[in-house]
Amino acid sequence: MAAHPVAGDGSTDDTASIQAILNDAAGKQVVYFPYGIYILSDTLLIPVGSRLVGETFTQLSASGAKFKDAKNPRPMIKVGSAGDIGVAQMQDFMFTVADILPGSILVEVNMAGEKPGDVGFWFCNFRIGGAKGSKVEANCKDAKNCVAARTAAHFTATSSSYWEHTWAWSADLDLDGSATELASPASGFLIESQKGTWMLGMGSGM
């Protein structure tokens, strides 16, 4: 949208523009993300009524000081708020970090749907490290001292979500080059949901 330019170039902070687009489109339009690396310096709220579609694992990448405090973890992607009921769906995304961010929760799901699948994620993966352009690529040489993220995903007590064909991994190799890295998250999936959680075709190497 011309009013809210988005770069997706791996260096420009796209947080404000993407949030404005999601707010405008919720309940009305599907939001398509062409392949790119979209830098997020603060929490991106996925409103009720959202449908987001990426292209061959479009990357949403956390960056900046707000995600660095391990004692005050902060979500990069926040799907709804506690008590929200409705639709929020994502397809073909990669959740990752552009730096060593021990306070980052990559995805936090708070909302539930009226029926199974209303809050759903298809082909949405997590990669902590192993990505060209991330500072993790060069700066993680010791897994014990390189907590590159706090948590991959947190499903809070009020959430209900469906996940299909999702994998989460902490890279011990660089798929985009020849570097060897030893990034380490503090945890993989934290599931506190008191409602239905469906996971089909899942893999985790955290």
N, C-alpha and C. Protein backbone atom coordinates (compact mmCIF):
# COMPACT_ATOMS: atom_id res chain seq x y z
N MET A 1 0.84 -1.19 0.00
CA MET A 1 0.00 0.00 0.00
C MET A 1 0.88 1.24 0.00
N ALA A 2 0.58 2.17 -0.88
CA ALA A 2 1.43 3.35 -1.04
C ALA A 2 1.50 4.18 0.24
N ALA A 3 0.43 4.19 1.00
CA ALA A 3 0.42 4.99 2.22
C ALA A 3 1.31 4.41 3.31
N HIS A 4 1.63 3.12 3.18
CA HIS A 4 2.44 2.45 4.19
C HIS A 4 3.53 1.64 3.49
N PRO A 5 4.59 2.28 3.02
CA PRO A 5 5.63 1.56 2.28
C PRO A 5 6.36 0.54 3.14
N VAL A 6 6.62 -0.62 2.55
CA VAL A 6 7.31 -1.71 3.22
C VAL A 6 8.47 -2.15 2.34
N ALA A 7 9.65 -2.33 2.94
CA ALA A 7 10.85 -2.63 2.17
C ALA A 7 11.10 -4.14 2.05
N GLY A 8 11.06 -4.86 3.16
CA GLY A 8 11.37 -6.29 3.11
C GLY A 8 12.78 -6.58 2.66
N ASP A 9 13.72 -5.67 2.97
CA ASP A 9 15.08 -5.79 2.46
C ASP A 9 16.09 -6.30 3.50
N GLY A 10 15.61 -6.67 4.67
CA GLY A 10 16.50 -7.21 5.69
C GLY A 10 17.23 -6.17 6.52
N SER A 11 16.98 -4.89 6.25
CA SER A 11 17.65 -3.85 7.03
C SER A 11 16.70 -2.73 7.46
N THR A 12 15.70 -2.44 6.67
CA THR A 12 14.74 -1.38 6.99
C THR A 12 13.75 -1.86 8.04
N ASP A 13 13.46 -1.01 9.02
CA ASP A 13 12.47 -1.34 10.04
C ASP A 13 11.06 -1.18 9.45
N ASP A 14 10.39 -2.30 9.25
CA ASP A 14 9.06 -2.29 8.61
C ASP A 14 7.91 -2.38 9.62
N THR A 15 8.20 -2.31 10.90
CA THR A 15 7.19 -2.57 11.92
C THR A 15 5.96 -1.68 11.79
N ALA A 16 6.15 -0.38 11.77
CA ALA A 16 5.02 0.56 11.79
C ALA A 16 4.16 0.42 10.55
N SER A 17 4.79 0.28 9.39
CA SER A 17 4.03 0.18 8.15
C SER A 17 3.22 -1.12 8.10
N ILE A 18 3.84 -2.24 8.50
CA ILE A 18 3.12 -3.50 8.48
C ILE A 18 1.96 -3.47 9.46
N GLN A 19 2.17 -2.89 10.65
CA GLN A 19 1.08 -2.81 11.62
C GLN A 19 -0.09 -2.00 11.07
N ALA A 20 0.20 -0.90 10.41
CA ALA A 20 -0.86 -0.08 9.83
C ALA A 20 -1.64 -0.85 8.76
N ILE A 21 -0.92 -1.60 7.94
CA ILE A 21 -1.56 -2.39 6.89
C ILE A 21 -2.46 -3.47 7.49
N LEU A 22 -1.96 -4.17 8.51
CA LEU A 22 -2.76 -5.22 9.15
C LEU A 22 -4.01 -4.65 9.80
N ASN A 23 -3.87 -3.50 10.44
CA ASN A 23 -5.02 -2.87 11.08
C ASN A 23 -6.09 -2.50 10.05
N ASP A 24 -5.65 -2.00 8.91
CA ASP A 24 -6.60 -1.60 7.85
C ASP A 24 -7.26 -2.81 7.20
N ALA A 25 -6.53 -3.92 7.08
CA ALA A 25 -7.02 -5.06 6.30
C ALA A 25 -7.83 -6.05 7.12
N ALA A 26 -7.71 -6.03 8.43
CA ALA A 26 -8.35 -7.05 9.28
C ALA A 26 -9.84 -7.16 9.00
N GLY A 27 -10.27 -8.39 8.68
CA GLY A 27 -11.67 -8.65 8.41
C GLY A 27 -12.13 -8.26 7.03
N LYS A 28 -11.21 -7.70 6.22
CA LYS A 28 -11.61 -7.22 4.89
C LYS A 28 -10.77 -7.78 3.75
N GLN A 29 -9.45 -7.92 3.97
CA GLN A 29 -8.56 -8.31 2.88
C GLN A 29 -7.51 -9.29 3.36
N VAL A 30 -7.05 -10.14 2.44
CA VAL A 30 -5.88 -10.97 2.69
C VAL A 30 -4.65 -10.10 2.47
N VAL A 31 -3.66 -10.19 3.36
CA VAL A 31 -2.42 -9.42 3.22
C VAL A 31 -1.34 -10.37 2.69
N TYR A 32 -0.80 -10.04 1.52
CA TYR A 32 0.22 -10.86 0.87
C TYR A 32 1.59 -10.25 1.07
N PHE A 33 2.55 -11.07 1.50
CA PHE A 33 3.93 -10.64 1.72
C PHE A 33 4.82 -11.25 0.65
N PRO A 34 5.27 -10.50 -0.34
CA PRO A 34 6.24 -11.05 -1.29
C PRO A 34 7.49 -11.50 -0.55
N TYR A 35 8.23 -12.44 -1.14
CA TYR A 35 9.41 -12.95 -0.46
C TYR A 35 10.35 -11.80 -0.09
N GLY A 36 10.84 -11.84 1.13
CA GLY A 36 11.78 -10.84 1.61
C GLY A 36 12.04 -11.09 3.08
N ILE A 37 12.87 -10.24 3.68
CA ILE A 37 13.14 -10.29 5.11
C ILE A 37 12.60 -9.01 5.72
N TYR A 38 11.56 -9.12 6.52
CA TYR A 38 10.87 -7.97 7.09
C TYR A 38 11.34 -7.79 8.54
N ILE A 39 12.04 -6.70 8.79
CA ILE A 39 12.60 -6.44 10.10
C ILE A 39 11.54 -5.84 11.02
N LEU A 40 11.43 -6.42 12.22
CA LEU A 40 10.46 -5.95 13.21
C LEU A 40 11.21 -5.57 14.48
N SER A 41 11.12 -4.31 14.86
CA SER A 41 11.83 -3.82 16.04
C SER A 41 10.95 -3.78 17.27
N ASP A 42 9.69 -4.15 17.12
CA ASP A 42 8.75 -4.17 18.24
C ASP A 42 7.68 -5.21 17.94
N THR A 43 6.83 -5.46 18.91
CA THR A 43 5.78 -6.46 18.76
C THR A 43 4.81 -6.08 17.65
N LEU A 44 4.53 -7.04 16.78
CA LEU A 44 3.55 -6.87 15.71
C LEU A 44 2.27 -7.60 16.13
N LEU A 45 1.18 -6.86 16.32
CA LEU A 45 -0.08 -7.45 16.73
C LEU A 45 -0.87 -7.90 15.50
N ILE A 46 -1.22 -9.17 15.48
CA ILE A 46 -2.08 -9.71 14.42
C ILE A 46 -3.52 -9.58 14.90
N PRO A 47 -4.30 -8.65 14.33
CA PRO A 47 -5.65 -8.41 14.84
C PRO A 47 -6.61 -9.54 14.48
N VAL A 48 -7.70 -9.63 15.22
CA VAL A 48 -8.78 -10.54 14.86
C VAL A 48 -9.26 -10.21 13.45
N GLY A 49 -9.48 -11.24 12.64
CA GLY A 49 -9.92 -11.05 11.27
C GLY A 49 -8.79 -11.04 10.26
N SER A 50 -7.56 -11.33 10.70
CA SER A 50 -6.40 -11.26 9.82
C SER A 50 -6.18 -12.56 9.06
N ARG A 51 -5.78 -12.41 7.80
CA ARG A 51 -5.31 -13.53 6.98
C ARG A 51 -4.05 -13.07 6.27
N LEU A 52 -2.92 -13.71 6.59
CA LEU A 52 -1.62 -13.32 6.05
C LEU A 52 -1.05 -14.47 5.24
N VAL A 53 -0.54 -14.16 4.05
CA VAL A 53 0.05 -15.18 3.18
C VAL A 53 1.42 -14.71 2.74
N GLY A 54 2.44 -15.54 2.98
CA GLY A 54 3.79 -15.24 2.54
C GLY A 54 4.11 -15.94 1.23
N GLU A 55 5.33 -15.75 0.76
CA GLU A 55 5.79 -16.37 -0.48
C GLU A 55 7.08 -17.15 -0.21
N THR A 56 6.99 -18.48 -0.32
CA THR A 56 8.15 -19.36 -0.10
C THR A 56 8.93 -18.97 1.15
N PHE A 57 8.26 -19.00 2.27
CA PHE A 57 8.85 -18.71 3.57
C PHE A 57 9.39 -17.29 3.69
N THR A 58 8.51 -16.35 3.45
CA THR A 58 8.79 -14.95 3.79
C THR A 58 9.27 -14.88 5.23
N GLN A 59 10.35 -14.11 5.47
CA GLN A 59 10.92 -14.05 6.81
C GLN A 59 10.43 -12.83 7.59
N LEU A 60 9.97 -13.08 8.82
CA LEU A 60 9.68 -12.02 9.78
C LEU A 60 10.77 -12.12 10.84
N SER A 61 11.59 -11.07 10.96
CA SER A 61 12.83 -11.15 11.72
C SER A 61 12.89 -10.10 12.81
N ALA A 62 13.04 -10.56 14.06
CA ALA A 62 13.13 -9.65 15.20
C ALA A 62 14.49 -8.96 15.22
N SER A 63 14.47 -7.69 15.64
CA SER A 63 15.71 -6.92 15.73
C SER A 63 15.54 -5.81 16.74
N GLY A 64 16.62 -5.47 17.45
CA GLY A 64 16.58 -4.29 18.30
C GLY A 64 16.54 -4.54 19.79
N ALA A 65 16.71 -3.45 20.52
CA ALA A 65 16.89 -3.50 21.97
C ALA A 65 15.68 -4.04 22.72
N LYS A 66 14.47 -3.89 22.19
CA LYS A 66 13.27 -4.32 22.91
C LYS A 66 13.20 -5.83 23.10
N PHE A 67 14.00 -6.57 22.33
CA PHE A 67 13.98 -8.03 22.43
C PHE A 67 15.23 -8.59 23.12
N LYS A 68 16.02 -7.74 23.74
CA LYS A 68 17.30 -8.20 24.29
C LYS A 68 17.27 -8.55 25.77
N ASP A 69 16.24 -8.15 26.49
CA ASP A 69 16.22 -8.36 27.93
C ASP A 69 15.63 -9.73 28.27
N ALA A 70 16.49 -10.66 28.66
CA ALA A 70 16.05 -12.02 28.97
C ALA A 70 15.09 -12.07 30.15
N LYS A 71 15.15 -11.07 31.02
CA LYS A 71 14.29 -11.05 32.20
C LYS A 71 12.90 -10.49 31.90
N ASN A 72 12.75 -9.88 30.75
CA ASN A 72 11.46 -9.32 30.33
C ASN A 72 11.17 -9.73 28.90
N PRO A 73 10.84 -11.00 28.67
CA PRO A 73 10.62 -11.48 27.31
C PRO A 73 9.47 -10.75 26.62
N ARG A 74 9.62 -10.57 25.32
CA ARG A 74 8.66 -9.79 24.53
C ARG A 74 8.39 -10.52 23.22
N PRO A 75 7.11 -10.65 22.83
CA PRO A 75 6.82 -11.34 21.56
C PRO A 75 7.12 -10.48 20.35
N MET A 76 7.66 -11.11 19.31
CA MET A 76 7.79 -10.45 18.02
C MET A 76 6.43 -10.41 17.33
N ILE A 77 5.75 -11.56 17.29
CA ILE A 77 4.42 -11.66 16.71
C ILE A 77 3.45 -12.01 17.84
N LYS A 78 2.43 -11.17 18.02
CA LYS A 78 1.41 -11.40 19.04
C LYS A 78 0.07 -11.60 18.33
N VAL A 79 -0.46 -12.81 18.41
CA VAL A 79 -1.69 -13.15 17.69
C VAL A 79 -2.87 -12.95 18.61
N GLY A 80 -3.56 -11.82 18.41
CA GLY A 80 -4.70 -11.48 19.24
C GLY A 80 -4.31 -11.17 20.67
N SER A 81 -5.31 -10.80 21.45
CA SER A 81 -5.14 -10.53 22.88
C SER A 81 -5.99 -11.51 23.68
N ALA A 82 -5.68 -11.65 24.95
CA ALA A 82 -6.44 -12.57 25.81
C ALA A 82 -7.93 -12.25 25.73
N GLY A 83 -8.74 -13.27 25.46
CA GLY A 83 -10.19 -13.09 25.38
C GLY A 83 -10.71 -12.88 23.97
N ASP A 84 -9.83 -12.60 23.01
CA ASP A 84 -10.26 -12.43 21.63
C ASP A 84 -10.76 -13.75 21.05
N ILE A 85 -11.83 -13.67 20.27
CA ILE A 85 -12.39 -14.83 19.58
C ILE A 85 -12.59 -14.45 18.12
N GLY A 86 -12.14 -15.32 17.21
CA GLY A 86 -12.33 -15.02 15.80
C GLY A 86 -11.31 -15.72 14.93
N VAL A 87 -11.00 -15.10 13.79
CA VAL A 87 -10.10 -15.69 12.80
C VAL A 87 -8.78 -14.95 12.78
N ALA A 88 -7.67 -15.72 12.76
CA ALA A 88 -6.34 -15.18 12.49
C ALA A 88 -5.54 -16.32 11.88
N GLN A 89 -5.10 -16.15 10.64
CA GLN A 89 -4.45 -17.25 9.93
C GLN A 89 -3.19 -16.76 9.22
N MET A 90 -2.16 -17.62 9.22
CA MET A 90 -0.90 -17.30 8.56
C MET A 90 -0.44 -18.52 7.76
N GLN A 91 0.15 -18.24 6.59
CA GLN A 91 0.64 -19.32 5.74
C GLN A 91 1.94 -18.92 5.07
N ASP A 92 2.93 -19.84 5.09
CA ASP A 92 4.22 -19.66 4.41
C ASP A 92 5.05 -18.52 4.98
N PHE A 93 5.38 -18.63 6.26
CA PHE A 93 6.26 -17.65 6.91
C PHE A 93 7.40 -18.36 7.64
N MET A 94 8.51 -17.65 7.77
CA MET A 94 9.63 -18.07 8.60
C MET A 94 9.81 -17.03 9.69
N PHE A 95 9.80 -17.49 10.94
CA PHE A 95 10.01 -16.61 12.09
C PHE A 95 11.47 -16.75 12.53
N THR A 96 12.18 -15.62 12.62
CA THR A 96 13.60 -15.70 12.90
C THR A 96 14.09 -14.45 13.63
N VAL A 97 15.40 -14.38 13.86
CA VAL A 97 15.99 -13.24 14.55
C VAL A 97 17.15 -12.69 13.72
N ALA A 98 17.30 -11.38 13.75
CA ALA A 98 18.38 -10.72 13.02
C ALA A 98 19.60 -10.47 13.90
N ASP A 99 19.49 -10.84 15.18
CA ASP A 99 20.56 -10.57 16.14
C ASP A 99 20.43 -11.58 17.28
N ILE A 100 21.33 -11.53 18.21
CA ILE A 100 21.24 -12.36 19.41
C ILE A 100 20.28 -11.67 20.37
N LEU A 101 19.09 -12.25 20.53
CA LEU A 101 18.00 -11.59 21.25
C LEU A 101 17.42 -12.51 22.32
N PRO A 102 18.06 -12.60 23.48
CA PRO A 102 17.63 -13.53 24.52
C PRO A 102 16.29 -13.20 25.15
N GLY A 103 15.70 -12.05 24.83
CA GLY A 103 14.38 -11.71 25.35
C GLY A 103 13.27 -11.86 24.34
N SER A 104 13.53 -12.49 23.20
CA SER A 104 12.53 -12.57 22.14
C SER A 104 11.70 -13.85 22.21
N ILE A 105 10.39 -13.68 22.16
CA ILE A 105 9.45 -14.78 21.94
C ILE A 105 8.99 -14.59 20.50
N LEU A 106 9.26 -15.54 19.64
CA LEU A 106 8.98 -15.28 18.23
C LEU A 106 7.48 -15.18 17.94
N VAL A 107 6.69 -16.07 18.50
CA VAL A 107 5.23 -16.02 18.28
C VAL A 107 4.52 -16.28 19.60
N GLU A 108 3.58 -15.41 19.94
CA GLU A 108 2.73 -15.61 21.11
C GLU A 108 1.28 -15.63 20.64
N VAL A 109 0.59 -16.74 20.88
CA VAL A 109 -0.82 -16.87 20.49
C VAL A 109 -1.69 -16.71 21.72
N ASN A 110 -2.62 -15.74 21.67
CA ASN A 110 -3.50 -15.45 22.80
C ASN A 110 -4.96 -15.74 22.52
N MET A 111 -5.35 -15.74 21.26
CA MET A 111 -6.76 -15.80 20.91
C MET A 111 -7.20 -17.21 20.53
N ALA A 112 -8.50 -17.38 20.48
CA ALA A 112 -9.11 -18.65 20.09
C ALA A 112 -10.11 -18.40 18.97
N GLY A 113 -10.47 -19.47 18.28
CA GLY A 113 -11.47 -19.35 17.22
C GLY A 113 -12.82 -19.85 17.67
N GLU A 114 -13.83 -19.56 16.87
CA GLU A 114 -15.15 -20.10 17.15
C GLU A 114 -15.20 -21.58 16.80
N LYS A 115 -14.33 -22.00 15.86
CA LYS A 115 -14.24 -23.42 15.50
C LYS A 115 -12.78 -23.75 15.21
N PRO A 116 -12.42 -25.05 15.28
CA PRO A 116 -11.03 -25.44 15.03
C PRO A 116 -10.52 -24.95 13.69
N GLY A 117 -9.32 -24.39 13.68
CA GLY A 117 -8.72 -23.89 12.44
C GLY A 117 -8.92 -22.41 12.21
N ASP A 118 -9.82 -21.79 12.96
CA ASP A 118 -9.99 -20.34 12.80
C ASP A 118 -8.69 -19.60 13.10
N VAL A 119 -7.99 -20.06 14.12
CA VAL A 119 -6.66 -19.55 14.41
C VAL A 119 -5.69 -20.63 13.95
N GLY A 120 -5.09 -20.41 12.76
CA GLY A 120 -4.34 -21.48 12.13
C GLY A 120 -3.05 -21.01 11.48
N PHE A 121 -2.08 -21.94 11.42
CA PHE A 121 -0.76 -21.66 10.85
C PHE A 121 -0.37 -22.84 9.96
N TRP A 122 -0.11 -22.55 8.69
CA TRP A 122 0.27 -23.57 7.74
C TRP A 122 1.64 -23.23 7.15
N PHE A 123 2.56 -24.19 7.17
CA PHE A 123 3.91 -23.98 6.63
C PHE A 123 4.55 -22.73 7.24
N CYS A 124 4.44 -22.60 8.54
CA CYS A 124 5.06 -21.50 9.28
C CYS A 124 6.16 -22.09 10.17
N ASN A 125 7.40 -21.73 9.89
CA ASN A 125 8.54 -22.36 10.53
C ASN A 125 9.35 -21.38 11.36
N PHE A 126 10.18 -21.93 12.24
CA PHE A 126 11.03 -21.15 13.13
C PHE A 126 12.49 -21.51 12.85
N ARG A 127 13.33 -20.50 12.69
CA ARG A 127 14.76 -20.76 12.47
C ARG A 127 15.57 -19.78 13.32
N ILE A 128 16.24 -20.31 14.31
CA ILE A 128 17.09 -19.49 15.18
C ILE A 128 18.52 -19.64 14.69
N GLY A 129 18.99 -18.69 13.91
CA GLY A 129 20.31 -18.80 13.30
C GLY A 129 20.24 -19.46 11.94
N GLY A 130 21.39 -19.59 11.30
CA GLY A 130 21.43 -20.25 10.00
C GLY A 130 20.89 -19.42 8.87
N ALA A 131 20.83 -18.10 9.04
CA ALA A 131 20.27 -17.24 8.01
C ALA A 131 21.26 -16.15 7.62
N LYS A 132 21.48 -16.00 6.34
CA LYS A 132 22.37 -14.97 5.85
C LYS A 132 21.85 -13.60 6.25
N GLY A 133 22.76 -12.75 6.72
CA GLY A 133 22.38 -11.40 7.10
C GLY A 133 22.11 -11.23 8.58
N SER A 134 21.89 -12.34 9.30
CA SER A 134 21.67 -12.26 10.73
C SER A 134 23.00 -12.18 11.46
N LYS A 135 23.06 -11.37 12.51
CA LYS A 135 24.27 -11.29 13.31
C LYS A 135 24.57 -12.60 14.03
N VAL A 136 23.55 -13.43 14.16
CA VAL A 136 23.75 -14.75 14.75
C VAL A 136 24.74 -15.55 13.92
N GLU A 137 24.72 -15.33 12.62
CA GLU A 137 25.58 -16.07 11.70
C GLU A 137 27.06 -15.93 12.07
N ALA A 138 27.46 -14.71 12.45
CA ALA A 138 28.87 -14.45 12.75
C ALA A 138 29.20 -14.52 14.23
N ASN A 139 28.21 -14.28 15.09
CA ASN A 139 28.52 -14.06 16.51
C ASN A 139 28.18 -15.21 17.45
N CYS A 140 27.62 -16.29 16.94
CA CYS A 140 27.29 -17.43 17.80
C CYS A 140 28.28 -18.57 17.56
N LYS A 141 29.22 -18.70 18.45
CA LYS A 141 30.21 -19.78 18.34
C LYS A 141 30.16 -20.72 19.54
N ASP A 142 29.34 -20.41 20.52
CA ASP A 142 29.25 -21.20 21.74
C ASP A 142 27.79 -21.24 22.18
N ALA A 143 27.16 -22.39 22.04
CA ALA A 143 25.73 -22.50 22.32
C ALA A 143 25.37 -22.13 23.75
N LYS A 144 26.24 -22.46 24.70
CA LYS A 144 25.94 -22.18 26.10
C LYS A 144 25.88 -20.68 26.37
N ASN A 145 26.63 -19.91 25.61
CA ASN A 145 26.70 -18.47 25.85
C ASN A 145 26.03 -17.66 24.74
N CYS A 146 25.25 -18.33 23.90
CA CYS A 146 24.58 -17.62 22.82
C CYS A 146 23.11 -18.01 22.78
N VAL A 147 22.34 -17.44 23.70
CA VAL A 147 20.89 -17.66 23.70
C VAL A 147 20.30 -16.65 22.72
N ALA A 148 20.13 -17.10 21.50
CA ALA A 148 19.74 -16.19 20.42
C ALA A 148 18.26 -15.83 20.45
N ALA A 149 17.46 -16.58 21.22
CA ALA A 149 16.04 -16.27 21.39
C ALA A 149 15.57 -16.89 22.70
N ARG A 150 14.50 -16.35 23.26
CA ARG A 150 13.96 -16.89 24.52
C ARG A 150 13.10 -18.11 24.25
N THR A 151 12.12 -17.97 23.35
CA THR A 151 11.15 -19.03 23.08
C THR A 151 10.71 -18.96 21.62
N ALA A 152 10.54 -20.10 21.00
CA ALA A 152 10.01 -20.11 19.64
C ALA A 152 8.54 -19.69 19.64
N ALA A 153 7.71 -20.41 20.39
CA ALA A 153 6.28 -20.10 20.41
C ALA A 153 5.70 -20.31 21.80
N HIS A 154 4.81 -19.41 22.19
CA HIS A 154 4.11 -19.49 23.47
C HIS A 154 2.61 -19.47 23.19
N PHE A 155 1.93 -20.54 23.54
CA PHE A 155 0.47 -20.62 23.41
C PHE A 155 -0.11 -20.36 24.80
N THR A 156 -0.65 -19.18 25.02
CA THR A 156 -1.12 -18.79 26.34
C THR A 156 -2.41 -19.52 26.72
N ALA A 157 -2.83 -19.37 27.97
CA ALA A 157 -3.97 -20.12 28.50
C ALA A 157 -5.26 -19.85 27.73
N THR A 158 -5.41 -18.67 27.15
CA THR A 158 -6.65 -18.31 26.45
C THR A 158 -6.64 -18.69 24.98
N SER A 159 -5.57 -19.31 24.52
CA SER A 159 -5.41 -19.57 23.09
C SER A 159 -5.99 -20.92 22.68
N SER A 160 -6.28 -21.02 21.39
CA SER A 160 -6.62 -22.28 20.75
C SER A 160 -6.15 -22.15 19.30
N SER A 161 -5.24 -23.03 18.86
CA SER A 161 -4.68 -22.85 17.52
C SER A 161 -4.40 -24.18 16.84
N TYR A 162 -4.31 -24.11 15.52
CA TYR A 162 -4.03 -25.27 14.68
C TYR A 162 -2.74 -25.01 13.92
N TRP A 163 -1.81 -25.97 13.97
CA TRP A 163 -0.52 -25.86 13.28
C TRP A 163 -0.32 -27.07 12.38
N GLU A 164 0.06 -26.80 11.13
CA GLU A 164 0.28 -27.89 10.18
C GLU A 164 1.56 -27.67 9.40
N HIS A 165 2.38 -28.71 9.34
CA HIS A 165 3.65 -28.72 8.62
C HIS A 165 4.54 -27.57 9.10
N THR A 166 4.88 -27.64 10.35
CA THR A 166 5.72 -26.62 10.99
C THR A 166 6.95 -27.28 11.60
N TRP A 167 8.11 -26.68 11.40
CA TRP A 167 9.30 -27.15 12.09
C TRP A 167 10.01 -25.99 12.75
N ALA A 168 10.69 -26.31 13.83
CA ALA A 168 11.42 -25.31 14.59
C ALA A 168 12.82 -25.85 14.85
N TRP A 169 13.83 -25.05 14.53
CA TRP A 169 15.17 -25.55 14.75
C TRP A 169 16.13 -24.45 15.14
N SER A 170 17.15 -24.88 15.87
CA SER A 170 18.25 -24.02 16.25
C SER A 170 19.44 -24.44 15.39
N ALA A 171 19.87 -23.56 14.51
CA ALA A 171 20.83 -23.95 13.48
C ALA A 171 22.20 -24.26 14.05
N ASP A 172 22.77 -25.39 13.59
CA ASP A 172 24.17 -25.68 13.87
C ASP A 172 24.97 -25.62 12.57
N LEU A 173 24.33 -25.09 11.55
CA LEU A 173 25.00 -24.91 10.27
C LEU A 173 24.34 -23.75 9.53
N ASP A 174 25.02 -23.26 8.53
CA ASP A 174 24.54 -22.10 7.77
C ASP A 174 24.10 -22.56 6.39
N LEU A 175 22.80 -22.61 6.18
CA LEU A 175 22.28 -23.07 4.89
C LEU A 175 22.60 -22.10 3.76
N ASP A 176 22.91 -20.85 4.12
CA ASP A 176 23.12 -19.83 3.09
C ASP A 176 24.59 -19.59 2.79
N GLY A 177 25.49 -20.31 3.45
CA GLY A 177 26.91 -20.07 3.24
C GLY A 177 27.74 -21.20 3.81
N SER A 178 28.89 -20.86 4.38
CA SER A 178 29.80 -21.90 4.87
C SER A 178 30.13 -21.75 6.35
N ALA A 179 29.50 -20.80 7.03
CA ALA A 179 29.81 -20.57 8.45
C ALA A 179 29.23 -21.68 9.33
N THR A 180 29.87 -21.92 10.44
CA THR A 180 29.35 -22.85 11.45
C THR A 180 28.96 -22.03 12.67
N GLU A 181 27.75 -22.22 13.15
CA GLU A 181 27.30 -21.45 14.30
C GLU A 181 26.61 -22.36 15.30
N LEU A 182 26.56 -21.90 16.53
CA LEU A 182 26.00 -22.69 17.62
C LEU A 182 24.97 -21.86 18.37
N ALA A 183 23.97 -21.37 17.65
CA ALA A 183 22.90 -20.60 18.28
C ALA A 183 22.07 -21.51 19.16
N SER A 184 21.50 -20.94 20.23
CA SER A 184 20.71 -21.73 21.16
C SER A 184 19.56 -20.92 21.71
N PRO A 185 18.30 -21.34 21.54
CA PRO A 185 17.19 -20.69 22.23
C PRO A 185 17.06 -21.26 23.64
N ALA A 186 16.41 -20.52 24.52
CA ALA A 186 16.19 -21.03 25.88
C ALA A 186 15.10 -22.09 25.90
N SER A 187 14.12 -22.02 24.99
CA SER A 187 13.05 -23.02 24.95
C SER A 187 12.41 -23.04 23.57
N GLY A 188 11.69 -24.12 23.28
CA GLY A 188 11.03 -24.29 22.00
C GLY A 188 9.58 -23.85 22.04
N PHE A 189 8.67 -24.78 22.39
CA PHE A 189 7.25 -24.48 22.48
C PHE A 189 6.80 -24.53 23.93
N LEU A 190 6.15 -23.47 24.38
CA LEU A 190 5.54 -23.43 25.71
C LEU A 190 4.03 -23.41 25.51
N ILE A 191 3.36 -24.50 25.88
CA ILE A 191 1.93 -24.63 25.64
C ILE A 191 1.18 -24.60 26.96
N GLU A 192 0.49 -23.50 27.20
CA GLU A 192 -0.31 -23.34 28.41
C GLU A 192 -1.80 -23.29 28.10
N SER A 193 -2.16 -23.47 26.86
CA SER A 193 -3.55 -23.37 26.44
C SER A 193 -4.45 -24.32 27.20
N GLN A 194 -5.60 -23.82 27.62
CA GLN A 194 -6.61 -24.63 28.29
C GLN A 194 -7.70 -25.06 27.30
N LYS A 195 -7.47 -24.73 26.02
CA LYS A 195 -8.41 -25.10 24.97
C LYS A 195 -7.69 -26.00 23.97
N GLY A 196 -8.35 -26.30 22.86
CA GLY A 196 -7.76 -27.22 21.89
C GLY A 196 -6.52 -26.65 21.22
N THR A 197 -5.48 -27.48 21.11
CA THR A 197 -4.28 -27.16 20.33
C THR A 197 -3.99 -28.35 19.43
N TRP A 198 -3.96 -28.10 18.12
CA TRP A 198 -3.76 -29.18 17.16
C TRP A 198 -2.43 -28.97 16.45
N MET A 199 -1.61 -30.04 16.39
CA MET A 199 -0.30 -29.95 15.75
C MET A 199 -0.13 -31.18 14.86
N LEU A 200 -0.01 -30.93 13.56
CA LEU A 200 0.08 -32.01 12.58
C LEU A 200 1.35 -31.82 11.74
N GLY A 201 2.19 -32.84 11.66
CA GLY A 201 3.40 -32.75 10.88
C GLY A 201 4.40 -31.78 11.47
N MET A 202 4.64 -31.90 12.78
CA MET A 202 5.53 -30.97 13.49
C MET A 202 6.91 -31.58 13.68
N GLY A 203 7.91 -30.70 13.75
CA GLY A 203 9.26 -31.12 14.07
C GLY A 203 9.96 -30.03 14.86
N SER A 204 10.78 -30.43 15.84
CA SER A 204 11.48 -29.45 16.64
C SER A 204 12.89 -29.93 16.95
N GLY A 205 13.86 -29.05 16.69
CA GLY A 205 15.25 -29.37 16.98
C GLY A 205 15.85 -28.28 17.85
N MET A 206 15.11 -27.82 18.84
CA MET A 206 15.55 -26.74 19.71
C MET A 206 16.49 -27.25 20.79
